[in-house]
Amino acid sequence: MKKLLLMIASAFRRIRGLSRDSLFLPSREPLPLEFSINGIGHEYLFSLHEKQNRERGEEFHLKDIKQWELSILQSETGHFVFKDVIEDNAISVNTSGWKAGIYIAVANINGKNIAQKFAVTE
């Protein structure tokens, strides 16, 4: 797992100039958001959800986020297969034509990243 995360961090540094530490969560100030991936067949829904800050009782609102970036890379090669700026809380991505395997989806919200892995089957 650590090798995979280092590979992802290396890919991000090449593409976006991010530091190695900016890819990993929880960060010093974790985002009060949940990043979920739901798939049926070749259609995957990537979405952000608000979550309650239980320590302070404060809630973060998605309406405060004007846009976020979704990047998806193939874990075996480290190459990006999808990258887009999203102006809603969710996006549907069709994976038909993608090689079967494990992929990493990274949501970049206000300079902070949340990464999730998911599997694509043929």
PDB file of N, CA and C in Angstrom:
ATOM      1  N   MET A   1       0.824  -1.191   0.000  1.00  0.00           N
ATOM      2  CA  MET A   1       0.000   0.000   0.000  1.00  0.00           C
ATOM      3  C   MET A   1       0.872   1.259   0.000  1.00  0.00           C
ATOM      4  N   LYS A   2       1.936   1.245   0.823  1.00  0.00           N
ATOM      5  CA  LYS A   2       2.800   2.412   0.904  1.00  0.00           C
ATOM      6  C   LYS A   2       3.466   2.673  -0.452  1.00  0.00           C
ATOM      7  N   LYS A   3       3.881   1.584  -1.139  1.00  0.00           N
ATOM      8  CA  LYS A   3       4.508   1.724  -2.457  1.00  0.00           C
ATOM      9  C   LYS A   3       3.532   2.360  -3.442  1.00  0.00           C
ATOM     10  N   LEU A   4       2.278   1.943  -3.386  1.00  0.00           N
ATOM     11  CA  LEU A   4       1.250   2.492  -4.262  1.00  0.00           C
ATOM     12  C   LEU A   4       1.045   3.980  -3.984  1.00  0.00           C
ATOM     13  N   LEU A   5       0.966   4.363  -2.720  1.00  0.00           N
ATOM     14  CA  LEU A   5       0.774   5.769  -2.373  1.00  0.00           C
ATOM     15  C   LEU A   5       1.965   6.617  -2.800  1.00  0.00           C
ATOM     16  N   LEU A   6       3.179   6.083  -2.675  1.00  0.00           N
ATOM     17  CA  LEU A   6       4.361   6.818  -3.125  1.00  0.00           C
ATOM     18  C   LEU A   6       4.341   7.010  -4.636  1.00  0.00           C
ATOM     19  N   MET A   7       3.867   5.973  -5.367  1.00  0.00           N
ATOM     20  CA  MET A   7       3.760   6.078  -6.817  1.00  0.00           C
ATOM     21  C   MET A   7       2.746   7.158  -7.202  1.00  0.00           C
ATOM     22  N   ILE A   8       1.635   7.205  -6.484  1.00  0.00           N
ATOM     23  CA  ILE A   8       0.615   8.221  -6.755  1.00  0.00           C
ATOM     24  C   ILE A   8       1.177   9.606  -6.463  1.00  0.00           C
ATOM     25  N   ALA A   9       1.862   9.733  -5.347  1.00  0.00           N
ATOM     26  CA  ALA A   9       2.447  11.026  -4.991  1.00  0.00           C
ATOM     27  C   ALA A   9       3.451  11.482  -6.041  1.00  0.00           C
ATOM     28  N   SER A  10       4.240  10.553  -6.550  1.00  0.00           N
ATOM     29  CA  SER A  10       5.214  10.881  -7.589  1.00  0.00           C
ATOM     30  C   SER A  10       4.516  11.371  -8.854  1.00  0.00           C
ATOM     31  N   ALA A  11       3.416  10.703  -9.236  1.00  0.00           N
ATOM     32  CA  ALA A  11       2.659  11.112 -10.421  1.00  0.00           C
ATOM     33  C   ALA A  11       2.094  12.514 -10.232  1.00  0.00           C
ATOM     34  N   PHE A  12       1.588  12.814  -9.047  1.00  0.00           N
ATOM     35  CA  PHE A  12       1.034  14.144  -8.800  1.00  0.00           C
ATOM     36  C   PHE A  12       2.107  15.222  -8.836  1.00  0.00           C
ATOM     37  N   ARG A  13       3.284  14.927  -8.309  1.00  0.00           N
ATOM     38  CA  ARG A  13       4.360  15.922  -8.355  1.00  0.00           C
ATOM     39  C   ARG A  13       4.715  16.251  -9.794  1.00  0.00           C
ATOM     40  N   ARG A  14       4.745  15.238 -10.642  1.00  0.00           N
ATOM     41  CA  ARG A  14       5.065  15.468 -12.052  1.00  0.00           C
ATOM     42  C   ARG A  14       4.008  16.328 -12.720  1.00  0.00           C
ATOM     43  N   ILE A  15       2.740  16.045 -12.453  1.00  0.00           N
ATOM     44  CA  ILE A  15       1.656  16.727 -13.133  1.00  0.00           C
ATOM     45  C   ILE A  15       1.364  18.099 -12.526  1.00  0.00           C
ATOM     46  N   ARG A  16       1.292  18.184 -11.223  1.00  0.00           N
ATOM     47  CA  ARG A  16       0.791  19.400 -10.582  1.00  0.00           C
ATOM     48  C   ARG A  16       1.778  20.091  -9.674  1.00  0.00           C
ATOM     49  N   GLY A  17       2.963  19.533  -9.479  1.00  0.00           N
ATOM     50  CA  GLY A  17       3.927  20.165  -8.598  1.00  0.00           C
ATOM     51  C   GLY A  17       3.547  20.077  -7.128  1.00  0.00           C
ATOM     52  N   LEU A  18       2.739  19.090  -6.760  1.00  0.00           N
ATOM     53  CA  LEU A  18       2.330  18.956  -5.359  1.00  0.00           C
ATOM     54  C   LEU A  18       3.435  18.299  -4.545  1.00  0.00           C
ATOM     55  N   SER A  19       3.476  18.610  -3.285  1.00  0.00           N
ATOM     56  CA  SER A  19       4.435  17.950  -2.403  1.00  0.00           C
ATOM     57  C   SER A  19       3.934  16.551  -2.088  1.00  0.00           C
ATOM     58  N   ARG A  20       4.842  15.695  -1.667  1.00  0.00           N
ATOM     59  CA  ARG A  20       4.495  14.316  -1.340  1.00  0.00           C
ATOM     60  C   ARG A  20       3.441  14.272  -0.242  1.00  0.00           C
ATOM     61  N   ASP A  21       3.564  15.129   0.762  1.00  0.00           N
ATOM     62  CA  ASP A  21       2.653  15.094   1.897  1.00  0.00           C
ATOM     63  C   ASP A  21       1.255  15.590   1.572  1.00  0.00           C
ATOM     64  N   SER A  22       1.086  16.353   0.501  1.00  0.00           N
ATOM     65  CA  SER A  22      -0.233  16.908   0.213  1.00  0.00           C
ATOM     66  C   SER A  22      -1.213  15.874  -0.311  1.00  0.00           C
ATOM     67  N   LEU A  23      -0.735  14.676  -0.660  1.00  0.00           N
ATOM     68  CA  LEU A  23      -1.616  13.651  -1.207  1.00  0.00           C
ATOM     69  C   LEU A  23      -2.308  12.841  -0.119  1.00  0.00           C
ATOM     70  N   PHE A  24      -1.716  12.749   1.041  1.00  0.00           N
ATOM     71  CA  PHE A  24      -2.206  11.831   2.046  1.00  0.00           C
ATOM     72  C   PHE A  24      -3.199  12.480   2.993  1.00  0.00           C
ATOM     73  N   LEU A  25      -4.250  11.752   3.318  1.00  0.00           N
ATOM     74  CA  LEU A  25      -5.205  12.152   4.336  1.00  0.00           C
ATOM     75  C   LEU A  25      -5.264  11.031   5.362  1.00  0.00           C
ATOM     76  N   PRO A  26      -5.518  11.260   6.626  1.00  0.00           N
ATOM     77  CA  PRO A  26      -5.867  12.562   7.145  1.00  0.00           C
ATOM     78  C   PRO A  26      -4.674  13.509   7.172  1.00  0.00           C
ATOM     79  N   SER A  27      -4.947  14.746   6.866  1.00  0.00           N
ATOM     80  CA  SER A  27      -3.912  15.768   6.923  1.00  0.00           C
ATOM     81  C   SER A  27      -3.982  16.445   8.279  1.00  0.00           C
ATOM     82  N   ARG A  28      -3.167  17.472   8.445  1.00  0.00           N
ATOM     83  CA  ARG A  28      -3.200  18.199   9.718  1.00  0.00           C
ATOM     84  C   ARG A  28      -4.581  18.794   9.953  1.00  0.00           C
ATOM     85  N   GLU A  29      -5.231  19.202   8.883  1.00  0.00           N
ATOM     86  CA  GLU A  29      -6.581  19.740   8.967  1.00  0.00           C
ATOM     87  C   GLU A  29      -7.457  18.947   8.003  1.00  0.00           C
ATOM     88  N   PRO A  30      -7.973  17.803   8.438  1.00  0.00           N
ATOM     89  CA  PRO A  30      -8.759  16.976   7.525  1.00  0.00           C
ATOM     90  C   PRO A  30     -10.009  17.704   7.029  1.00  0.00           C
ATOM     91  N   LEU A  31     -10.366  17.402   5.806  1.00  0.00           N
ATOM     92  CA  LEU A  31     -11.567  17.999   5.230  1.00  0.00           C
ATOM     93  C   LEU A  31     -12.807  17.377   5.850  1.00  0.00           C
ATOM     94  N   PRO A  32     -13.801  18.180   6.145  1.00  0.00           N
ATOM     95  CA  PRO A  32     -15.046  17.646   6.702  1.00  0.00           C
ATOM     96  C   PRO A  32     -15.964  17.134   5.590  1.00  0.00           C
ATOM     97  N   LEU A  33     -15.381  16.370   4.677  1.00  0.00           N
ATOM     98  CA  LEU A  33     -16.127  15.832   3.535  1.00  0.00           C
ATOM     99  C   LEU A  33     -15.888  14.345   3.413  1.00  0.00           C
ATOM    100  N   GLU A  34     -16.825  13.674   2.802  1.00  0.00           N
ATOM    101  CA  GLU A  34     -16.662  12.279   2.432  1.00  0.00           C
ATOM    102  C   GLU A  34     -16.645  12.211   0.915  1.00  0.00           C
ATOM    103  N   PHE A  35     -15.755  11.413   0.375  1.00  0.00           N
ATOM    104  CA  PHE A  35     -15.621  11.209  -1.067  1.00  0.00           C
ATOM    105  C   PHE A  35     -16.027   9.773  -1.335  1.00  0.00           C
ATOM    106  N   SER A  36     -17.082   9.584  -2.124  1.00  0.00           N
ATOM    107  CA  SER A  36     -17.564   8.221  -2.367  1.00  0.00           C
ATOM    108  C   SER A  36     -17.565   7.885  -3.847  1.00  0.00           C
ATOM    109  N   ILE A  37     -17.441   6.582  -4.098  1.00  0.00           N
ATOM    110  CA  ILE A  37     -17.448   6.050  -5.459  1.00  0.00           C
ATOM    111  C   ILE A  37     -18.463   4.917  -5.493  1.00  0.00           C
ATOM    112  N   ASN A  38     -19.414   5.003  -6.410  1.00  0.00           N
ATOM    113  CA  ASN A  38     -20.411   3.954  -6.594  1.00  0.00           C
ATOM    114  C   ASN A  38     -20.459   3.596  -8.065  1.00  0.00           C
ATOM    115  N   GLY A  39     -20.351   2.297  -8.355  1.00  0.00           N
ATOM    116  CA  GLY A  39     -20.337   1.890  -9.751  1.00  0.00           C
ATOM    117  C   GLY A  39     -21.305   0.774 -10.057  1.00  0.00           C
ATOM    118  N   ILE A  40     -21.877   0.868 -11.264  1.00  0.00           N
ATOM    119  CA  ILE A  40     -22.701  -0.192 -11.811  1.00  0.00           C
ATOM    120  C   ILE A  40     -22.251  -0.383 -13.249  1.00  0.00           C
ATOM    121  N   GLY A  41     -21.749  -1.575 -13.567  1.00  0.00           N
ATOM    122  CA  GLY A  41     -21.236  -1.812 -14.914  1.00  0.00           C
ATOM    123  C   GLY A  41     -20.033  -0.924 -15.180  1.00  0.00           C
ATOM    124  N   HIS A  42     -20.114  -0.123 -16.235  1.00  0.00           N
ATOM    125  CA  HIS A  42     -19.028   0.785 -16.585  1.00  0.00           C
ATOM    126  C   HIS A  42     -19.315   2.230 -16.201  1.00  0.00           C
ATOM    127  N   GLU A  43     -20.385   2.466 -15.456  1.00  0.00           N
ATOM    128  CA  GLU A  43     -20.723   3.817 -14.999  1.00  0.00           C
ATOM    129  C   GLU A  43     -20.385   3.949 -13.519  1.00  0.00           C
ATOM    130  N   TYR A  44     -19.529   4.908 -13.214  1.00  0.00           N
ATOM    131  CA  TYR A  44     -19.131   5.171 -11.835  1.00  0.00           C
ATOM    132  C   TYR A  44     -19.522   6.590 -11.464  1.00  0.00           C
ATOM    133  N   LEU A  45     -20.103   6.739 -10.274  1.00  0.00           N
ATOM    134  CA  LEU A  45     -20.475   8.041  -9.761  1.00  0.00           C
ATOM    135  C   LEU A  45     -19.486   8.420  -8.664  1.00  0.00           C
ATOM    136  N   PHE A  46     -18.798   9.543  -8.853  1.00  0.00           N
ATOM    137  CA  PHE A  46     -17.841  10.074  -7.888  1.00  0.00           C
ATOM    138  C   PHE A  46     -18.504  11.283  -7.244  1.00  0.00           C
ATOM    139  N   SER A  47     -18.643  11.268  -5.917  1.00  0.00           N
ATOM    140  CA  SER A  47     -19.382  12.358  -5.288  1.00  0.00           C
ATOM    141  C   SER A  47     -18.782  12.770  -3.948  1.00  0.00           C
ATOM    142  N   LEU A  48     -19.049  14.030  -3.600  1.00  0.00           N
ATOM    143  CA  LEU A  48     -18.665  14.599  -2.320  1.00  0.00           C
ATOM    144  C   LEU A  48     -19.909  14.742  -1.468  1.00  0.00           C
ATOM    145  N   HIS A  49     -19.757  14.468  -0.174  1.00  0.00           N
ATOM    146  CA  HIS A  49     -20.861  14.592   0.777  1.00  0.00           C
ATOM    147  C   HIS A  49     -20.376  15.333   2.004  1.00  0.00           C
ATOM    148  N   GLU A  50     -21.249  16.104   2.600  1.00  0.00           N
ATOM    149  CA  GLU A  50     -20.930  16.781   3.856  1.00  0.00           C
ATOM    150  C   GLU A  50     -20.930  15.761   4.978  1.00  0.00           C
ATOM    151  N   LYS A  51     -20.085  15.998   5.970  1.00  0.00           N
ATOM    152  CA  LYS A  51     -20.155  15.176   7.172  1.00  0.00           C
ATOM    153  C   LYS A  51     -20.076  16.075   8.390  1.00  0.00           C
ATOM    154  N   GLN A  52     -20.657  15.633   9.443  1.00  0.00           N
ATOM    155  CA  GLN A  52     -20.727  16.406  10.679  1.00  0.00           C
ATOM    156  C   GLN A  52     -19.378  16.378  11.381  1.00  0.00           C
ATOM    157  N   ASN A  53     -18.901  17.538  11.823  1.00  0.00           N
ATOM    158  CA  ASN A  53     -17.702  17.621  12.642  1.00  0.00           C
ATOM    159  C   ASN A  53     -18.143  17.351  14.068  1.00  0.00           C
ATOM    160  N   ARG A  54     -17.896  16.149  14.530  1.00  0.00           N
ATOM    161  CA  ARG A  54     -18.411  15.739  15.835  1.00  0.00           C
ATOM    162  C   ARG A  54     -17.723  16.430  17.006  1.00  0.00           C
ATOM    163  N   GLU A  55     -16.476  16.849  16.814  1.00  0.00           N
ATOM    164  CA  GLU A  55     -15.760  17.484  17.918  1.00  0.00           C
ATOM    165  C   GLU A  55     -16.324  18.863  18.233  1.00  0.00           C
ATOM    166  N   ARG A  56     -16.648  19.622  17.197  1.00  0.00           N
ATOM    167  CA  ARG A  56     -17.105  20.998  17.403  1.00  0.00           C
ATOM    168  C   ARG A  56     -18.595  21.172  17.146  1.00  0.00           C
ATOM    169  N   GLY A  57     -19.218  20.167  16.562  1.00  0.00           N
ATOM    170  CA  GLY A  57     -20.619  20.285  16.221  1.00  0.00           C
ATOM    171  C   GLY A  57     -20.865  21.200  15.032  1.00  0.00           C
ATOM    172  N   GLU A  58     -19.787  21.530  14.292  1.00  0.00           N
ATOM    173  CA  GLU A  58     -19.924  22.401  13.133  1.00  0.00           C
ATOM    174  C   GLU A  58     -20.129  21.557  11.884  1.00  0.00           C
ATOM    175  N   GLU A  59     -20.784  22.133  10.928  1.00  0.00           N
ATOM    176  CA  GLU A  59     -21.002  21.439   9.671  1.00  0.00           C
ATOM    177  C   GLU A  59     -20.378  22.231   8.536  1.00  0.00           C
ATOM    178  N   PHE A  60     -19.732  21.528   7.649  1.00  0.00           N
ATOM    179  CA  PHE A  60     -19.130  22.137   6.467  1.00  0.00           C
ATOM    180  C   PHE A  60     -20.155  22.033   5.346  1.00  0.00           C
ATOM    181  N   HIS A  61     -20.296  23.057   4.543  1.00  0.00           N
ATOM    182  CA  HIS A  61     -21.305  23.051   3.497  1.00  0.00           C
ATOM    183  C   HIS A  61     -20.670  22.941   2.123  1.00  0.00           C
ATOM    184  N   LEU A  62     -21.188  22.026   1.334  1.00  0.00           N
ATOM    185  CA  LEU A  62     -20.689  21.858  -0.029  1.00  0.00           C
ATOM    186  C   LEU A  62     -20.891  23.117  -0.857  1.00  0.00           C
ATOM    187  N   LYS A  63     -21.879  23.903  -0.529  1.00  0.00           N
ATOM    188  CA  LYS A  63     -22.128  25.123  -1.306  1.00  0.00           C
ATOM    189  C   LYS A  63     -20.950  26.085  -1.229  1.00  0.00           C
ATOM    190  N   ASP A  64     -20.072  25.904  -0.224  1.00  0.00           N
ATOM    191  CA  ASP A  64     -18.884  26.743  -0.101  1.00  0.00           C
ATOM    192  C   ASP A  64     -17.806  26.374  -1.122  1.00  0.00           C
ATOM    193  N   ILE A  65     -17.937  25.203  -1.724  1.00  0.00           N
ATOM    194  CA  ILE A  65     -16.967  24.752  -2.728  1.00  0.00           C
ATOM    195  C   ILE A  65     -17.513  25.108  -4.100  1.00  0.00           C
ATOM    196  N   LYS A  66     -16.800  25.953  -4.801  1.00  0.00           N
ATOM    197  CA  LYS A  66     -17.237  26.373  -6.141  1.00  0.00           C
ATOM    198  C   LYS A  66     -16.883  25.327  -7.192  1.00  0.00           C
ATOM    199  N   GLN A  67     -15.715  24.683  -7.012  1.00  0.00           N
ATOM    200  CA  GLN A  67     -15.305  23.623  -7.932  1.00  0.00           C
ATOM    201  C   GLN A  67     -14.244  22.763  -7.266  1.00  0.00           C
ATOM    202  N   TRP A  68     -14.091  21.555  -7.783  1.00  0.00           N
ATOM    203  CA  TRP A  68     -13.076  20.634  -7.308  1.00  0.00           C
ATOM    204  C   TRP A  68     -12.571  19.852  -8.507  1.00  0.00           C
ATOM    205  N   GLU A  69     -11.445  19.221  -8.348  1.00  0.00           N
ATOM    206  CA  GLU A  69     -10.838  18.494  -9.457  1.00  0.00           C
ATOM    207  C   GLU A  69     -10.831  17.003  -9.171  1.00  0.00           C
ATOM    208  N   LEU A  70     -11.230  16.223 -10.159  1.00  0.00           N
ATOM    209  CA  LEU A  70     -11.179  14.766 -10.055  1.00  0.00           C
ATOM    210  C   LEU A  70     -10.120  14.259 -11.013  1.00  0.00           C
ATOM    211  N   SER A  71      -9.169  13.506 -10.484  1.00  0.00           N
ATOM    212  CA  SER A  71      -8.140  12.857 -11.290  1.00  0.00           C
ATOM    213  C   SER A  71      -8.201  11.373 -11.002  1.00  0.00           C
ATOM    214  N   ILE A  72      -8.104  10.561 -12.046  1.00  0.00           N
ATOM    215  CA  ILE A  72      -8.118   9.107 -11.888  1.00  0.00           C
ATOM    216  C   ILE A  72      -6.882   8.549 -12.569  1.00  0.00           C
ATOM    217  N   LEU A  73      -6.160   7.699 -11.830  1.00  0.00           N
ATOM    218  CA  LEU A  73      -4.996   7.079 -12.433  1.00  0.00           C
ATOM    219  C   LEU A  73      -5.048   5.575 -12.267  1.00  0.00           C
ATOM    220  N   GLN A  74      -4.445   4.906 -13.220  1.00  0.00           N
ATOM    221  CA  GLN A  74      -4.371   3.451 -13.223  1.00  0.00           C
ATOM    222  C   GLN A  74      -3.225   3.071 -12.298  1.00  0.00           C
ATOM    223  N   SER A  75      -3.498   2.279 -11.269  1.00  0.00           N
ATOM    224  CA  SER A  75      -2.497   2.016 -10.238  1.00  0.00           C
ATOM    225  C   SER A  75      -1.298   1.223 -10.748  1.00  0.00           C
ATOM    226  N   GLU A  76      -1.497   0.372 -11.730  1.00  0.00           N
ATOM    227  CA  GLU A  76      -0.402  -0.454 -12.250  1.00  0.00           C
ATOM    228  C   GLU A  76       0.643   0.382 -12.986  1.00  0.00           C
ATOM    229  N   THR A  77       0.179   1.346 -13.774  1.00  0.00           N
ATOM    230  CA  THR A  77       1.097   2.148 -14.591  1.00  0.00           C
ATOM    231  C   THR A  77       1.370   3.523 -14.001  1.00  0.00           C
ATOM    232  N   GLY A  78       0.451   4.028 -13.174  1.00  0.00           N
ATOM    233  CA  GLY A  78       0.597   5.373 -12.630  1.00  0.00           C
ATOM    234  C   GLY A  78       0.186   6.460 -13.608  1.00  0.00           C
ATOM    235  N   HIS A  79      -0.388   6.063 -14.752  1.00  0.00           N
ATOM    236  CA  HIS A  79      -0.816   7.039 -15.755  1.00  0.00           C
ATOM    237  C   HIS A  79      -2.245   7.499 -15.488  1.00  0.00           C
ATOM    238  N   PHE A  80      -2.463   8.791 -15.734  1.00  0.00           N
ATOM    239  CA  PHE A  80      -3.795   9.350 -15.574  1.00  0.00           C
ATOM    240  C   PHE A  80      -4.680   8.945 -16.744  1.00  0.00           C
ATOM    241  N   VAL A  81      -5.909   8.512 -16.431  1.00  0.00           N
ATOM    242  CA  VAL A  81      -6.873   8.137 -17.458  1.00  0.00           C
ATOM    243  C   VAL A  81      -8.031   9.126 -17.519  1.00  0.00           C
ATOM    244  N   PHE A  82      -8.135   9.983 -16.501  1.00  0.00           N
ATOM    245  CA  PHE A  82      -9.227  10.949 -16.453  1.00  0.00           C
ATOM    246  C   PHE A  82      -8.805  12.115 -15.572  1.00  0.00           C
ATOM    247  N   LYS A  83      -9.184  13.310 -15.991  1.00  0.00           N
ATOM    248  CA  LYS A  83      -8.934  14.501 -15.183  1.00  0.00           C
ATOM    249  C   LYS A  83      -9.928  15.566 -15.627  1.00  0.00           C
ATOM    250  N   ASP A  84     -10.648  16.155 -14.653  1.00  0.00           N
ATOM    251  CA  ASP A  84     -11.636  17.168 -14.986  1.00  0.00           C
ATOM    252  C   ASP A  84     -11.896  18.051 -13.770  1.00  0.00           C
ATOM    253  N   VAL A  85     -12.320  19.268 -14.032  1.00  0.00           N
ATOM    254  CA  VAL A  85     -12.746  20.192 -12.987  1.00  0.00           C
ATOM    255  C   VAL A  85     -14.259  20.089 -12.888  1.00  0.00           C
ATOM    256  N   ILE A  86     -14.756  19.855 -11.681  1.00  0.00           N
ATOM    257  CA  ILE A  86     -16.175  19.606 -11.439  1.00  0.00           C
ATOM    258  C   ILE A  86     -16.776  20.817 -10.741  1.00  0.00           C
ATOM    259  N   GLU A  87     -17.929  21.247 -11.207  1.00  0.00           N
ATOM    260  CA  GLU A  87     -18.612  22.387 -10.594  1.00  0.00           C
ATOM    261  C   GLU A  87     -19.906  21.975  -9.903  1.00  0.00           C
ATOM    262  N   ASP A  88     -20.025  20.701  -9.602  1.00  0.00           N
ATOM    263  CA  ASP A  88     -21.182  20.146  -8.910  1.00  0.00           C
ATOM    264  C   ASP A  88     -20.628  19.246  -7.810  1.00  0.00           C
ATOM    265  N   ASN A  89     -21.493  18.592  -7.037  1.00  0.00           N
ATOM    266  CA  ASN A  89     -20.974  17.713  -5.998  1.00  0.00           C
ATOM    267  C   ASN A  89     -20.741  16.290  -6.489  1.00  0.00           C
ATOM    268  N   ALA A  90     -21.046  16.004  -7.780  1.00  0.00           N
ATOM    269  CA  ALA A  90     -20.866  14.651  -8.300  1.00  0.00           C
ATOM    270  C   ALA A  90     -20.633  14.670  -9.804  1.00  0.00           C
ATOM    271  N   ILE A  91     -20.013  13.587 -10.283  1.00  0.00           N
ATOM    272  CA  ILE A  91     -19.810  13.404 -11.719  1.00  0.00           C
ATOM    273  C   ILE A  91     -19.879  11.915 -12.024  1.00  0.00           C
ATOM    274  N   SER A  92     -20.461  11.594 -13.161  1.00  0.00           N
ATOM    275  CA  SER A  92     -20.526  10.220 -13.632  1.00  0.00           C
ATOM    276  C   SER A  92     -19.443  10.028 -14.692  1.00  0.00           C
ATOM    277  N   VAL A  93     -18.697   8.942 -14.563  1.00  0.00           N
ATOM    278  CA  VAL A  93     -17.614   8.649 -15.497  1.00  0.00           C
ATOM    279  C   VAL A  93     -17.838   7.265 -16.084  1.00  0.00           C
ATOM    280  N   ASN A  94     -17.775   7.168 -17.410  1.00  0.00           N
ATOM    281  CA  ASN A  94     -17.905   5.890 -18.102  1.00  0.00           C
ATOM    282  C   ASN A  94     -16.515   5.297 -18.282  1.00  0.00           C
ATOM    283  N   THR A  95     -16.336   4.060 -17.800  1.00  0.00           N
ATOM    284  CA  THR A  95     -15.024   3.407 -17.844  1.00  0.00           C
ATOM    285  C   THR A  95     -14.922   2.353 -18.940  1.00  0.00           C
ATOM    286  N   SER A  96     -15.890   2.274 -19.839  1.00  0.00           N
ATOM    287  CA  SER A  96     -15.773   1.286 -20.916  1.00  0.00           C
ATOM    288  C   SER A  96     -14.539   1.628 -21.755  1.00  0.00           C
ATOM    289  N   GLY A  97     -13.786   0.621 -22.096  1.00  0.00           N
ATOM    290  CA  GLY A  97     -12.538   0.820 -22.819  1.00  0.00           C
ATOM    291  C   GLY A  97     -11.325   0.904 -21.902  1.00  0.00           C
ATOM    292  N   TRP A  98     -11.544   1.025 -20.604  1.00  0.00           N
ATOM    293  CA  TRP A  98     -10.430   1.058 -19.658  1.00  0.00           C
ATOM    294  C   TRP A  98      -9.978  -0.372 -19.381  1.00  0.00           C
ATOM    295  N   LYS A  99      -8.693  -0.553 -19.140  1.00  0.00           N
ATOM    296  CA  LYS A  99      -8.129  -1.848 -18.788  1.00  0.00           C
ATOM    297  C   LYS A  99      -8.657  -2.268 -17.414  1.00  0.00           C
ATOM    298  N   ALA A 100      -9.003  -3.541 -17.263  1.00  0.00           N
ATOM    299  CA  ALA A 100      -9.452  -4.038 -15.966  1.00  0.00           C
ATOM    300  C   ALA A 100      -8.317  -3.903 -14.956  1.00  0.00           C
ATOM    301  N   GLY A 101      -8.647  -3.485 -13.743  1.00  0.00           N
ATOM    302  CA  GLY A 101      -7.639  -3.354 -12.696  1.00  0.00           C
ATOM    303  C   GLY A 101      -8.053  -2.371 -11.625  1.00  0.00           C
ATOM    304  N   ILE A 102      -7.087  -2.013 -10.807  1.00  0.00           N
ATOM    305  CA  ILE A 102      -7.315  -1.086  -9.704  1.00  0.00           C
ATOM    306  C   ILE A 102      -6.955   0.325 -10.149  1.00  0.00           C
ATOM    307  N   TYR A 103      -7.822   1.252  -9.810  1.00  0.00           N
ATOM    308  CA  TYR A 103      -7.635   2.667 -10.138  1.00  0.00           C
ATOM    309  C   TYR A 103      -7.699   3.482  -8.859  1.00  0.00           C
ATOM    310  N   ILE A 104      -7.061   4.640  -8.890  1.00  0.00           N
ATOM    311  CA  ILE A 104      -7.086   5.557  -7.762  1.00  0.00           C
ATOM    312  C   ILE A 104      -7.776   6.843  -8.214  1.00  0.00           C
ATOM    313  N   ALA A 105      -8.833   7.215  -7.501  1.00  0.00           N
ATOM    314  CA  ALA A 105      -9.525   8.475  -7.772  1.00  0.00           C
ATOM    315  C   ALA A 105      -9.099   9.469  -6.696  1.00  0.00           C
ATOM    316  N   VAL A 106      -8.690  10.653  -7.140  1.00  0.00           N
ATOM    317  CA  VAL A 106      -8.246  11.679  -6.209  1.00  0.00           C
ATOM    318  C   VAL A 106      -9.103  12.921  -6.409  1.00  0.00           C
ATOM    319  N   ALA A 107      -9.772  13.321  -5.335  1.00  0.00           N
ATOM    320  CA  ALA A 107     -10.550  14.560  -5.340  1.00  0.00           C
ATOM    321  C   ALA A 107      -9.679  15.639  -4.721  1.00  0.00           C
ATOM    322  N   ASN A 108      -9.421  16.699  -5.477  1.00  0.00           N
ATOM    323  CA  ASN A 108      -8.651  17.831  -4.972  1.00  0.00           C
ATOM    324  C   ASN A 108      -9.644  18.949  -4.690  1.00  0.00           C
ATOM    325  N   ILE A 109      -9.772  19.278  -3.393  1.00  0.00           N
ATOM    326  CA  ILE A 109     -10.708  20.298  -2.955  1.00  0.00           C
ATOM    327  C   ILE A 109      -9.912  21.379  -2.226  1.00  0.00           C
ATOM    328  N   ASN A 110      -9.890  22.565  -2.804  1.00  0.00           N
ATOM    329  CA  ASN A 110      -9.183  23.683  -2.189  1.00  0.00           C
ATOM    330  C   ASN A 110      -7.744  23.339  -1.814  1.00  0.00           C
ATOM    331  N   GLY A 111      -7.072  22.580  -2.693  1.00  0.00           N
ATOM    332  CA  GLY A 111      -5.666  22.242  -2.470  1.00  0.00           C
ATOM    333  C   GLY A 111      -5.421  21.040  -1.583  1.00  0.00           C
ATOM    334  N   LYS A 112      -6.474  20.409  -1.083  1.00  0.00           N
ATOM    335  CA  LYS A 112      -6.334  19.197  -0.268  1.00  0.00           C
ATOM    336  C   LYS A 112      -6.891  18.024  -1.053  1.00  0.00           C
ATOM    337  N   ASN A 113      -6.275  16.855  -0.855  1.00  0.00           N
ATOM    338  CA  ASN A 113      -6.638  15.674  -1.626  1.00  0.00           C
ATOM    339  C   ASN A 113      -7.260  14.588  -0.766  1.00  0.00           C
ATOM    340  N   ILE A 114      -8.272  13.941  -1.319  1.00  0.00           N
ATOM    341  CA  ILE A 114      -8.864  12.745  -0.736  1.00  0.00           C
ATOM    342  C   ILE A 114      -8.756  11.676  -1.809  1.00  0.00           C
ATOM    343  N   ALA A 115      -8.125  10.554  -1.493  1.00  0.00           N
ATOM    344  CA  ALA A 115      -7.932   9.484  -2.472  1.00  0.00           C
ATOM    345  C   ALA A 115      -8.745   8.252  -2.085  1.00  0.00           C
ATOM    346  N   GLN A 116      -9.319   7.622  -3.092  1.00  0.00           N
ATOM    347  CA  GLN A 116     -10.057   6.370  -2.923  1.00  0.00           C
ATOM    348  C   GLN A 116      -9.651   5.438  -4.053  1.00  0.00           C
ATOM    349  N   LYS A 117      -9.566   4.150  -3.765  1.00  0.00           N
ATOM    350  CA  LYS A 117      -9.291   3.215  -4.844  1.00  0.00           C
ATOM    351  C   LYS A 117     -10.567   2.471  -5.199  1.00  0.00           C
ATOM    352  N   PHE A 118     -10.622   2.031  -6.455  1.00  0.00           N
ATOM    353  CA  PHE A 118     -11.775   1.264  -6.920  1.00  0.00           C
ATOM    354  C   PHE A 118     -11.318   0.338  -8.034  1.00  0.00           C
ATOM    355  N   ALA A 119     -12.119  -0.674  -8.314  1.00  0.00           N
ATOM    356  CA  ALA A 119     -11.764  -1.679  -9.313  1.00  0.00           C
ATOM    357  C   ALA A 119     -12.648  -1.524 -10.540  1.00  0.00           C
ATOM    358  N   VAL A 120     -12.041  -1.688 -11.703  1.00  0.00           N
ATOM    359  CA  VAL A 120     -12.767  -1.722 -12.963  1.00  0.00           C
ATOM    360  C   VAL A 120     -12.643  -3.136 -13.512  1.00  0.00           C
ATOM    361  N   THR A 121     -13.769  -3.723 -13.871  1.00  0.00           N
ATOM    362  CA  THR A 121     -13.765  -5.064 -14.469  1.00  0.00           C
ATOM    363  C   THR A 121     -14.192  -4.951 -15.914  1.00  0.00           C
ATOM    364  N   GLU A 122     -13.843  -5.943 -16.682  1.00  0.00           N
ATOM    365  CA  GLU A 122     -14.206  -5.912 -18.113  1.00  0.00           C
ATOM    366  C   GLU A 122     -15.638  -6.272 -18.333  1.00  0.00           C
TER     367      GLU A 122
END
